[in-house]
Amino acid sequence: MAAVEVTTPDEARRLGFPGSPTFQVGRQDLFPVDASPALTCRVYQRGDGRSSPLPDAEDLAARLRAALLRPWDLPHWVDPRKPGRTT
């Protein structure tokens, strides 16, 4: 897992950063939002309707499993059976 520190509004715009914390797999947001890039805190809606600075642990785990279940759908995935090729 790589952590990227976004420290300026220009970086946020360049990266399309919707706020912190953001959880991504293959540069795809696990909790996509329709928000302008910014240096702000994100708010996640929990299963019980409450707002929180973090998603439910179970929801995050389920989204991670779903994203990693089909690695060939991730950008820059390299098929290990075909050295040097991407799908």
N, C-alpha and C. Protein backbone atom coordinates (compact mmCIF):
# COMPACT_ATOMS: atom_id res chain seq x y z
N MET A 1 0.85 -1.16 0.00
CA MET A 1 0.00 0.00 0.00
C MET A 1 0.90 1.23 0.00
N ALA A 2 0.61 2.14 -0.87
CA ALA A 2 1.37 3.38 -0.95
C ALA A 2 0.52 4.53 -0.45
N ALA A 3 1.14 5.37 0.34
CA ALA A 3 0.47 6.57 0.81
C ALA A 3 1.01 7.76 0.02
N VAL A 4 0.11 8.62 -0.39
CA VAL A 4 0.48 9.82 -1.12
C VAL A 4 0.01 11.01 -0.31
N GLU A 5 0.94 11.89 0.01
CA GLU A 5 0.57 13.09 0.75
C GLU A 5 0.29 14.20 -0.25
N VAL A 6 -0.90 14.74 -0.20
CA VAL A 6 -1.31 15.84 -1.07
C VAL A 6 -1.29 17.10 -0.21
N THR A 7 -0.44 18.05 -0.59
CA THR A 7 -0.23 19.20 0.30
C THR A 7 -0.63 20.55 -0.27
N THR A 8 -0.95 20.60 -1.57
CA THR A 8 -1.32 21.88 -2.16
C THR A 8 -2.60 21.74 -2.98
N PRO A 9 -3.32 22.83 -3.15
CA PRO A 9 -4.51 22.78 -4.01
C PRO A 9 -4.17 22.36 -5.45
N ASP A 10 -3.00 22.77 -5.95
CA ASP A 10 -2.60 22.36 -7.30
C ASP A 10 -2.42 20.85 -7.39
N GLU A 11 -1.82 20.24 -6.38
CA GLU A 11 -1.67 18.78 -6.35
C GLU A 11 -3.05 18.11 -6.31
N ALA A 12 -3.94 18.65 -5.50
CA ALA A 12 -5.29 18.09 -5.40
C ALA A 12 -5.98 18.12 -6.75
N ARG A 13 -5.86 19.25 -7.46
CA ARG A 13 -6.48 19.35 -8.79
C ARG A 13 -5.84 18.37 -9.77
N ARG A 14 -4.51 18.32 -9.78
CA ARG A 14 -3.78 17.45 -10.72
C ARG A 14 -4.14 15.98 -10.50
N LEU A 15 -4.28 15.58 -9.24
CA LEU A 15 -4.57 14.19 -8.91
C LEU A 15 -6.06 13.87 -8.86
N GLY A 16 -6.91 14.90 -8.96
CA GLY A 16 -8.35 14.68 -8.81
C GLY A 16 -8.68 14.20 -7.40
N PHE A 17 -7.98 14.74 -6.42
CA PHE A 17 -8.08 14.30 -5.03
C PHE A 17 -9.34 14.87 -4.38
N PRO A 18 -10.28 14.01 -3.97
CA PRO A 18 -11.54 14.50 -3.41
C PRO A 18 -11.53 14.76 -1.91
N GLY A 19 -10.40 14.64 -1.26
CA GLY A 19 -10.31 14.88 0.18
C GLY A 19 -9.70 13.70 0.91
N SER A 20 -9.50 13.90 2.19
CA SER A 20 -8.78 12.91 2.98
C SER A 20 -9.67 12.36 4.08
N PRO A 21 -9.59 11.06 4.34
CA PRO A 21 -8.80 10.06 3.64
C PRO A 21 -9.53 9.55 2.40
N THR A 22 -8.76 9.20 1.39
CA THR A 22 -9.29 8.61 0.18
C THR A 22 -8.71 7.21 0.05
N PHE A 23 -9.54 6.24 -0.22
CA PHE A 23 -9.12 4.85 -0.37
C PHE A 23 -9.22 4.47 -1.84
N GLN A 24 -8.07 4.11 -2.43
CA GLN A 24 -8.02 3.79 -3.85
C GLN A 24 -7.33 2.44 -4.07
N VAL A 25 -7.74 1.78 -5.14
CA VAL A 25 -7.06 0.60 -5.65
C VAL A 25 -6.88 0.85 -7.13
N GLY A 26 -5.64 0.79 -7.60
CA GLY A 26 -5.38 1.03 -9.01
C GLY A 26 -5.84 2.40 -9.46
N ARG A 27 -5.68 3.39 -8.60
CA ARG A 27 -6.09 4.78 -8.87
C ARG A 27 -7.60 4.95 -9.01
N GLN A 28 -8.35 3.96 -8.57
CA GLN A 28 -9.81 4.05 -8.60
C GLN A 28 -10.32 4.20 -7.17
N ASP A 29 -11.09 5.24 -6.94
CA ASP A 29 -11.64 5.53 -5.62
C ASP A 29 -12.64 4.44 -5.23
N LEU A 30 -12.46 3.86 -4.07
CA LEU A 30 -13.38 2.82 -3.60
C LEU A 30 -14.72 3.40 -3.17
N PHE A 31 -14.76 4.70 -2.90
CA PHE A 31 -15.97 5.39 -2.49
C PHE A 31 -16.11 6.63 -3.38
N PRO A 32 -16.39 6.44 -4.67
CA PRO A 32 -16.42 7.58 -5.58
C PRO A 32 -17.46 8.62 -5.18
N VAL A 33 -17.08 9.88 -5.36
CA VAL A 33 -17.96 11.00 -5.06
C VAL A 33 -17.91 11.98 -6.22
N ASP A 34 -18.97 12.74 -6.33
CA ASP A 34 -19.01 13.80 -7.33
C ASP A 34 -18.65 15.10 -6.62
N ALA A 35 -17.35 15.32 -6.45
CA ALA A 35 -16.88 16.49 -5.72
C ALA A 35 -15.67 17.07 -6.43
N SER A 36 -15.52 18.37 -6.33
CA SER A 36 -14.35 19.02 -6.90
C SER A 36 -13.12 18.65 -6.09
N PRO A 37 -11.96 18.49 -6.76
CA PRO A 37 -10.73 18.21 -6.03
C PRO A 37 -10.44 19.33 -5.02
N ALA A 38 -10.00 18.94 -3.82
CA ALA A 38 -9.76 19.92 -2.77
C ALA A 38 -8.96 19.32 -1.63
N LEU A 39 -8.38 20.20 -0.83
CA LEU A 39 -7.71 19.79 0.40
C LEU A 39 -8.73 19.89 1.53
N THR A 40 -9.59 18.91 1.61
CA THR A 40 -10.64 18.90 2.63
C THR A 40 -10.70 17.53 3.28
N CYS A 41 -11.47 17.43 4.32
CA CYS A 41 -11.74 16.14 4.94
C CYS A 41 -12.96 15.52 4.26
N ARG A 42 -12.89 14.23 4.05
CA ARG A 42 -14.04 13.54 3.47
C ARG A 42 -14.99 13.12 4.57
N VAL A 43 -16.23 12.96 4.18
CA VAL A 43 -17.26 12.47 5.10
C VAL A 43 -17.86 11.23 4.47
N TYR A 44 -17.89 10.16 5.21
CA TYR A 44 -18.44 8.89 4.74
C TYR A 44 -19.77 8.63 5.44
N GLN A 45 -20.72 8.08 4.70
CA GLN A 45 -22.00 7.70 5.28
C GLN A 45 -21.91 6.25 5.74
N ARG A 46 -22.17 6.03 6.98
CA ARG A 46 -22.13 4.68 7.53
C ARG A 46 -23.46 3.98 7.28
N GLY A 47 -23.45 2.67 7.44
CA GLY A 47 -24.63 1.86 7.19
C GLY A 47 -25.83 2.26 8.03
N ASP A 48 -25.58 2.83 9.22
CA ASP A 48 -26.69 3.22 10.08
C ASP A 48 -27.14 4.66 9.83
N GLY A 49 -26.57 5.30 8.77
CA GLY A 49 -26.98 6.65 8.41
C GLY A 49 -26.14 7.76 9.01
N ARG A 50 -25.26 7.42 9.97
CA ARG A 50 -24.41 8.45 10.57
C ARG A 50 -23.31 8.86 9.60
N SER A 51 -22.81 10.08 9.75
CA SER A 51 -21.66 10.57 9.01
C SER A 51 -20.41 10.28 9.83
N SER A 52 -19.30 10.02 9.13
CA SER A 52 -18.07 9.68 9.83
C SER A 52 -16.86 10.09 8.99
N PRO A 53 -15.72 10.35 9.63
CA PRO A 53 -14.50 10.65 8.86
C PRO A 53 -13.89 9.39 8.24
N LEU A 54 -14.41 8.22 8.58
CA LEU A 54 -13.94 6.95 8.02
C LEU A 54 -15.13 6.09 7.63
N PRO A 55 -14.98 5.28 6.58
CA PRO A 55 -16.07 4.36 6.24
C PRO A 55 -16.14 3.22 7.25
N ASP A 56 -17.26 2.49 7.25
CA ASP A 56 -17.36 1.28 8.06
C ASP A 56 -16.23 0.34 7.67
N ALA A 57 -15.59 -0.29 8.64
CA ALA A 57 -14.50 -1.23 8.35
C ALA A 57 -14.98 -2.38 7.46
N GLU A 58 -16.20 -2.86 7.71
CA GLU A 58 -16.75 -3.96 6.92
C GLU A 58 -16.98 -3.52 5.47
N ASP A 59 -17.46 -2.31 5.29
CA ASP A 59 -17.71 -1.77 3.95
C ASP A 59 -16.39 -1.59 3.20
N LEU A 60 -15.39 -1.05 3.88
CA LEU A 60 -14.07 -0.88 3.26
C LEU A 60 -13.49 -2.23 2.86
N ALA A 61 -13.56 -3.21 3.74
CA ALA A 61 -13.04 -4.54 3.44
C ALA A 61 -13.77 -5.16 2.25
N ALA A 62 -15.09 -5.02 2.20
CA ALA A 62 -15.86 -5.58 1.08
C ALA A 62 -15.48 -4.91 -0.24
N ARG A 63 -15.29 -3.60 -0.22
CA ARG A 63 -14.92 -2.89 -1.45
C ARG A 63 -13.50 -3.24 -1.89
N LEU A 64 -12.60 -3.43 -0.92
CA LEU A 64 -11.25 -3.88 -1.27
C LEU A 64 -11.28 -5.27 -1.90
N ARG A 65 -12.04 -6.18 -1.29
CA ARG A 65 -12.16 -7.53 -1.86
C ARG A 65 -12.71 -7.49 -3.28
N ALA A 66 -13.75 -6.69 -3.48
CA ALA A 66 -14.36 -6.60 -4.81
C ALA A 66 -13.38 -6.03 -5.84
N ALA A 67 -12.61 -5.01 -5.45
CA ALA A 67 -11.65 -4.41 -6.38
C ALA A 67 -10.52 -5.37 -6.71
N LEU A 68 -10.10 -6.15 -5.73
CA LEU A 68 -8.97 -7.05 -5.94
C LEU A 68 -9.39 -8.39 -6.52
N LEU A 69 -10.68 -8.66 -6.55
CA LEU A 69 -11.18 -9.91 -7.11
C LEU A 69 -10.93 -9.97 -8.62
N ARG A 70 -10.93 -8.83 -9.28
CA ARG A 70 -10.72 -8.75 -10.73
C ARG A 70 -9.54 -7.82 -11.02
N PRO A 71 -8.32 -8.25 -10.70
CA PRO A 71 -7.18 -7.36 -10.87
C PRO A 71 -6.96 -6.93 -12.31
N TRP A 72 -7.42 -7.73 -13.27
CA TRP A 72 -7.23 -7.37 -14.67
C TRP A 72 -8.04 -6.14 -15.07
N ASP A 73 -8.99 -5.74 -14.25
CA ASP A 73 -9.74 -4.51 -14.52
C ASP A 73 -9.02 -3.27 -14.01
N LEU A 74 -7.94 -3.45 -13.25
CA LEU A 74 -7.21 -2.32 -12.70
C LEU A 74 -6.25 -1.73 -13.74
N PRO A 75 -6.10 -0.41 -13.75
CA PRO A 75 -5.13 0.21 -14.66
C PRO A 75 -3.72 -0.33 -14.37
N HIS A 76 -2.97 -0.53 -15.40
CA HIS A 76 -1.56 -0.95 -15.32
C HIS A 76 -1.38 -2.37 -14.82
N TRP A 77 -2.43 -3.18 -14.83
CA TRP A 77 -2.28 -4.56 -14.41
C TRP A 77 -1.47 -5.30 -15.45
N VAL A 78 -0.53 -6.10 -15.00
CA VAL A 78 0.31 -6.89 -15.90
C VAL A 78 -0.06 -8.36 -15.71
N ASP A 79 -0.37 -9.02 -16.81
CA ASP A 79 -0.71 -10.43 -16.77
C ASP A 79 0.57 -11.22 -16.50
N PRO A 80 0.68 -11.90 -15.35
CA PRO A 80 1.91 -12.59 -15.02
C PRO A 80 2.19 -13.77 -15.95
N ARG A 81 1.19 -14.22 -16.69
CA ARG A 81 1.40 -15.31 -17.62
C ARG A 81 2.01 -14.85 -18.92
N LYS A 82 2.00 -13.54 -19.15
CA LYS A 82 2.52 -12.96 -20.39
C LYS A 82 3.52 -11.87 -20.03
N PRO A 83 4.78 -12.24 -19.82
CA PRO A 83 5.79 -11.27 -19.40
C PRO A 83 5.83 -10.05 -20.34
N GLY A 84 5.81 -8.86 -19.71
CA GLY A 84 5.93 -7.62 -20.48
C GLY A 84 4.65 -7.14 -21.14
N ARG A 85 3.53 -7.85 -20.95
CA ARG A 85 2.27 -7.44 -21.57
C ARG A 85 1.29 -6.98 -20.54
N THR A 86 0.47 -6.04 -20.91
CA THR A 86 -0.61 -5.59 -20.04
C THR A 86 -1.92 -5.88 -20.72
N THR A 87 -2.96 -5.93 -19.91
CA THR A 87 -4.29 -6.15 -20.49
C THR A 87 -5.12 -4.92 -20.35
